[in-house]
Protein backbone atom coordinates (compact mmCIF):
# COMPACT_ATOMS: atom_id res chain seq x y z
CA MET A 1 180.50 101.84 -75.55
CA LEU A 2 178.28 100.70 -78.57
CA VAL A 3 179.47 101.23 -81.89
CA ALA A 4 177.31 99.06 -83.57
CA ALA A 5 174.30 96.91 -83.85
CA ALA A 6 172.30 94.52 -85.69
CA VAL A 7 168.58 94.15 -85.32
CA CYS A 8 167.30 91.58 -86.86
CA PRO A 9 163.88 88.82 -86.20
CA CYS A 10 163.94 85.56 -84.74
CA PRO A 11 160.86 83.40 -86.30
CA PRO A 12 162.83 80.02 -86.80
CA LEU A 13 162.01 79.90 -90.49
CA LEU A 14 164.54 82.32 -90.80
CA VAL A 15 166.64 79.32 -91.25
CA PRO A 16 166.26 77.46 -93.99
CA GLU A 17 166.06 73.92 -93.20
CA VAL A 18 163.26 74.75 -90.11
CA ALA A 19 160.74 76.80 -93.32
CA ALA A 20 162.06 74.02 -95.79
CA GLY A 21 159.46 74.00 -99.04
CA ALA A 22 158.92 77.82 -97.90
CA ALA A 23 162.48 79.13 -97.62
CA HIS A 24 162.54 81.11 -100.45
CA GLU A 25 159.56 83.68 -98.51
CA MET A 26 162.26 84.19 -95.93
CA ASP A 27 165.49 85.15 -98.41
CA ALA A 28 164.33 88.60 -98.16
CA ALA A 29 164.59 89.05 -94.56
CA ARG A 30 167.57 86.85 -94.69
CA ALA A 31 170.04 88.81 -96.82
CA ALA A 32 168.98 91.54 -95.16
CA CYS A 33 170.14 90.24 -91.79
CA TYR A 34 173.50 89.23 -93.33
CA ASP A 35 174.44 93.00 -94.40
CA ALA A 36 174.01 93.79 -90.92
CA LEU A 37 175.60 91.38 -89.58
CA ALA A 38 178.27 92.76 -91.91
CA VAL A 39 178.04 96.48 -90.25
CA LEU A 40 178.87 95.29 -87.14
CA ALA A 41 181.76 93.27 -88.25
CA ALA A 42 182.87 96.35 -90.19
CA ALA A 43 183.05 98.32 -86.74
CA ARG A 44 185.74 96.28 -85.39
CA PRO A 45 184.00 95.75 -82.14
CA ASP A 46 185.79 94.06 -79.32
CA ARG A 47 182.93 91.62 -78.53
CA LEU A 48 179.60 91.37 -79.81
CA VAL A 49 176.72 90.36 -77.26
CA VAL A 50 173.31 88.54 -79.04
CA LEU A 51 170.34 89.42 -76.98
CA GLY A 52 166.83 87.86 -77.56
CA PRO A 53 163.25 87.60 -75.47
CA ALA A 54 163.82 84.18 -73.38
CA GLU A 55 161.17 82.51 -70.82
CA GLN A 56 161.82 82.73 -67.41
CA PHE A 57 163.64 79.79 -67.02
CA ALA A 58 166.18 80.37 -70.03
CA ARG A 59 166.95 84.17 -69.10
CA GLY A 60 170.30 85.71 -68.15
CA GLY A 61 174.02 84.96 -69.44
CA TYR A 62 175.05 82.99 -72.23
CA PRO A 63 179.00 82.65 -72.54
CA GLN A 64 180.41 81.84 -75.81
CA GLY A 65 180.40 78.16 -77.41
CA ALA A 66 177.04 77.74 -75.50
CA SER A 67 174.94 75.25 -77.98
CA GLY A 68 171.50 75.51 -78.81
CA SER A 69 169.09 73.03 -81.54
CA PHE A 70 166.48 73.38 -83.54
CA ARG A 71 165.33 70.07 -83.18
CA GLY A 72 161.96 71.46 -81.25
CA PHE A 73 160.92 72.46 -84.55
CA GLY A 74 161.56 69.01 -86.12
CA VAL A 75 165.25 69.70 -87.69
CA ASP A 76 168.39 67.88 -86.73
CA LEU A 77 170.58 70.50 -86.74
CA ASP A 78 173.08 72.49 -83.72
CA VAL A 79 174.05 75.66 -83.34
CA ARG A 80 177.04 77.01 -81.49
CA LEU A 81 177.46 80.82 -80.24
CA GLY A 82 180.89 81.63 -81.56
CA LYS A 83 183.95 79.72 -81.36
CA GLY A 84 184.34 76.52 -78.93
CA ALA A 85 182.17 74.59 -76.86
CA ALA A 86 180.58 75.67 -73.22
CA GLU A 87 178.80 73.66 -70.81
CA GLY A 88 175.60 74.49 -69.07
CA ARG A 89 171.56 75.36 -70.51
CA GLU A 90 170.14 75.47 -73.99
CA LEU A 91 169.80 78.53 -76.14
CA PRO A 92 166.61 79.48 -76.34
CA PRO A 93 164.70 79.74 -79.44
CA SER A 94 165.51 83.74 -80.54
CA LEU A 95 169.94 83.55 -79.28
CA ALA A 96 169.60 79.68 -81.59
CA VAL A 97 168.43 81.74 -84.19
CA GLY A 98 171.52 84.32 -83.52
CA ALA A 99 173.94 81.85 -83.01
CA TRP A 100 172.92 80.31 -86.80
CA LEU A 101 172.97 83.79 -88.59
CA LEU A 102 176.51 84.29 -86.96
CA GLU A 103 177.56 80.77 -88.24
CA ARG A 104 176.03 81.24 -91.99
CA THR A 105 178.13 84.67 -92.11
CA GLU A 106 181.56 82.82 -90.96
CA TRP A 107 181.94 85.13 -87.52
CA SER A 108 185.20 85.96 -86.91
CA ALA A 109 185.49 89.40 -85.65
CA ALA A 110 185.10 89.26 -81.99
CA PRO A 111 184.28 86.90 -79.33
CA VAL A 112 180.46 86.61 -78.89
CA GLU A 113 178.32 86.19 -75.29
CA GLY A 114 174.23 85.56 -75.33
CA LEU A 115 171.57 87.36 -73.55
CA GLY A 116 168.24 85.89 -72.86
CA VAL A 117 165.86 89.11 -71.92
CA GLY A 118 162.56 88.91 -70.40
CA GLU A 119 159.36 90.09 -72.35
CA PRO A 120 157.77 91.36 -69.58
CA LEU A 121 160.54 93.34 -68.53
CA ALA A 122 159.58 97.73 -67.90
CA PRO A 123 161.33 99.99 -70.33
CA GLU A 124 163.40 101.69 -67.34
CA ARG A 125 165.23 97.97 -66.64
CA CYS A 126 165.54 97.03 -70.16
CA ALA A 127 167.70 100.30 -70.51
CA ALA A 128 169.30 100.06 -67.18
CA ALA A 129 170.22 96.73 -68.46
CA GLY A 130 171.83 98.34 -72.00
CA GLN A 131 173.63 100.56 -69.98
CA ASP A 132 175.22 98.05 -67.73
CA LEU A 133 176.27 95.98 -71.08
CA VAL A 134 177.94 99.24 -71.77
CA GLY A 135 179.64 99.93 -68.74
CA SER A 136 180.82 95.85 -67.69
CA GLY A 137 183.12 96.24 -70.84
CA ALA A 138 185.87 98.50 -69.46
CA GLY A 139 186.08 100.82 -72.19
CA ASP A 140 185.51 97.82 -74.88
CA ARG A 141 184.09 98.38 -78.53
CA LEU A 142 180.57 96.76 -77.88
CA ALA A 143 178.55 95.40 -80.68
CA LEU A 144 175.05 93.94 -80.14
CA LEU A 145 172.59 91.03 -82.61
CA VAL A 146 168.78 92.03 -81.28
CA LEU A 147 166.48 89.52 -81.57
CA GLY A 148 163.03 90.19 -81.91
CA ASP A 149 160.36 90.26 -83.59
CA GLY A 150 157.16 92.75 -83.89
CA SER A 151 153.58 92.29 -83.46
CA ASN A 152 152.14 89.10 -84.24
CA CYS A 153 148.60 90.34 -85.17
CA ARG A 154 148.55 91.38 -88.79
CA THR A 155 146.65 89.71 -90.37
CA VAL A 156 143.55 87.09 -89.63
CA LYS A 157 145.76 84.22 -90.24
CA ALA A 158 148.39 85.57 -87.54
CA PRO A 159 149.88 83.49 -85.00
CA GLY A 160 147.26 86.49 -82.85
CA TYR A 161 144.81 87.02 -84.85
CA PHE A 162 144.03 90.45 -86.30
CA ASP A 163 144.12 93.90 -84.09
CA GLU A 164 143.55 96.87 -85.50
CA ARG A 165 145.75 98.52 -83.68
CA ALA A 166 149.06 96.14 -84.75
CA ALA A 167 149.91 98.05 -87.89
CA ALA A 168 150.73 101.18 -85.91
CA PHE A 169 153.12 99.93 -83.47
CA ASP A 170 154.85 98.21 -85.66
CA ALA A 171 154.55 101.12 -88.10
CA ASP A 172 156.37 103.23 -84.89
CA ALA A 173 158.61 100.25 -83.69
CA ALA A 174 160.12 100.30 -87.47
CA ARG A 175 160.88 103.97 -87.73
CA ALA A 176 162.36 104.24 -84.12
CA LEU A 177 165.30 101.26 -85.34
CA GLY A 178 165.40 102.65 -88.38
CA ASP A 179 166.30 106.09 -87.20
CA ALA A 180 168.22 104.37 -84.52
CA ASP A 181 165.92 106.89 -82.02
CA PRO A 182 166.95 105.38 -78.36
CA ALA A 183 164.05 107.73 -77.10
CA SER A 184 161.68 106.67 -79.64
CA VAL A 185 162.04 102.80 -78.91
CA LEU A 186 162.23 103.51 -75.47
CA ALA A 187 159.17 104.83 -75.90
CA LEU A 188 157.06 101.95 -76.98
CA ASP A 189 154.28 100.73 -74.79
CA ALA A 190 155.42 97.52 -73.00
CA GLU A 191 151.86 96.44 -72.51
CA ILE A 192 150.23 97.13 -75.51
CA ALA A 193 153.49 95.23 -76.91
CA TYR A 194 152.46 92.03 -74.71
CA GLU A 195 148.70 92.34 -76.48
CA LEU A 196 150.55 92.36 -79.99
CA GLY A 197 152.43 90.08 -79.27
CA ALA A 198 155.80 91.77 -80.14
CA SER A 199 158.64 89.66 -78.75
CA GLY A 200 161.07 91.91 -80.11
CA ARG A 201 159.51 95.11 -77.93
CA SER A 202 162.94 94.45 -74.59
CA SER A 203 165.32 93.47 -76.65
CA TRP A 204 164.52 96.56 -78.62
CA GLN A 205 164.54 98.94 -75.55
CA VAL A 206 167.86 96.96 -73.84
CA LEU A 207 169.61 98.61 -77.23
CA ALA A 208 167.86 101.42 -76.59
CA GLY A 209 169.14 101.95 -73.14
CA ALA A 210 173.01 101.16 -73.90
CA ALA A 211 172.79 103.33 -77.43
CA GLN A 212 172.19 106.36 -74.98
CA GLY A 213 175.38 109.21 -75.72
CA ALA A 214 176.50 106.89 -78.74
CA ASP A 215 175.20 109.03 -81.61
CA LEU A 216 174.80 105.98 -83.26
CA SER A 217 173.22 106.18 -87.30
CA GLY A 218 170.30 103.98 -88.39
CA ARG A 219 169.55 102.62 -91.46
CA LEU A 220 166.05 99.95 -91.75
CA LEU A 221 166.80 97.29 -94.27
CA HIS A 222 163.65 94.89 -94.47
CA ASP A 223 160.25 95.48 -93.14
CA GLU A 224 157.36 93.31 -94.06
CA ALA A 225 154.96 90.92 -92.93
CA PRO A 226 154.73 87.52 -94.30
CA TYR A 227 152.75 85.20 -92.13
CA GLY A 228 151.23 88.62 -90.57
CA VAL A 229 154.25 89.23 -87.99
CA GLY A 230 156.49 92.21 -88.12
CA TYR A 231 159.70 91.05 -89.02
CA PHE A 232 162.41 94.10 -89.26
CA VAL A 233 166.10 94.48 -89.94
CA ALA A 234 167.94 97.62 -88.58
CA SER A 235 171.48 98.38 -88.62
CA TRP A 236 173.27 101.12 -86.02
CA SER A 237 176.38 102.33 -86.81
């Protein structure tokens, strides 16, 4: 059963070494992520699944100890998903950010695995994937670290330029995540999310599938768009 979830953004700029001189601009988001991870640890899970958006070649599962890096962003920084080392493909950027958050907070509450989710995945398939995560644990207490960003079209300087629909979409997403409302999360329109560059939509809807029937309470810890991209942090427990 799902006992807790942390929803966090996944821009590489969350990592201070990547952000460099602009690192302070993400201080509030980082602090909120650390708080959300503390709630995960307090739920005493038996396992933690870190899930986030991934390109086609990087979708699917990653074992504990899978490695990633931020070399593609100009920083010689390696990370691992939990303790140990595992051979195989490199973590996608979203899961690398998740691995960095776990390292930064010295996660030791439960074994860790990763899941790269395809952004185009339809809501009903996302929900089914979430239900599969819960069902695969044979009654284990499951926690999720869910990575993903909101719209990247909040301002004219945003990566996706300005779209007048972006603020309303992000407001709906933030409200649904803050309320821990699976039905409202699943109601987010996949086509509009794609047009607005909201990379978190599929990951959030996997969470919604996993949370159905869990009766969790939510709290929105952070909601800002410092670079014209919606960054939300929420805690479900």
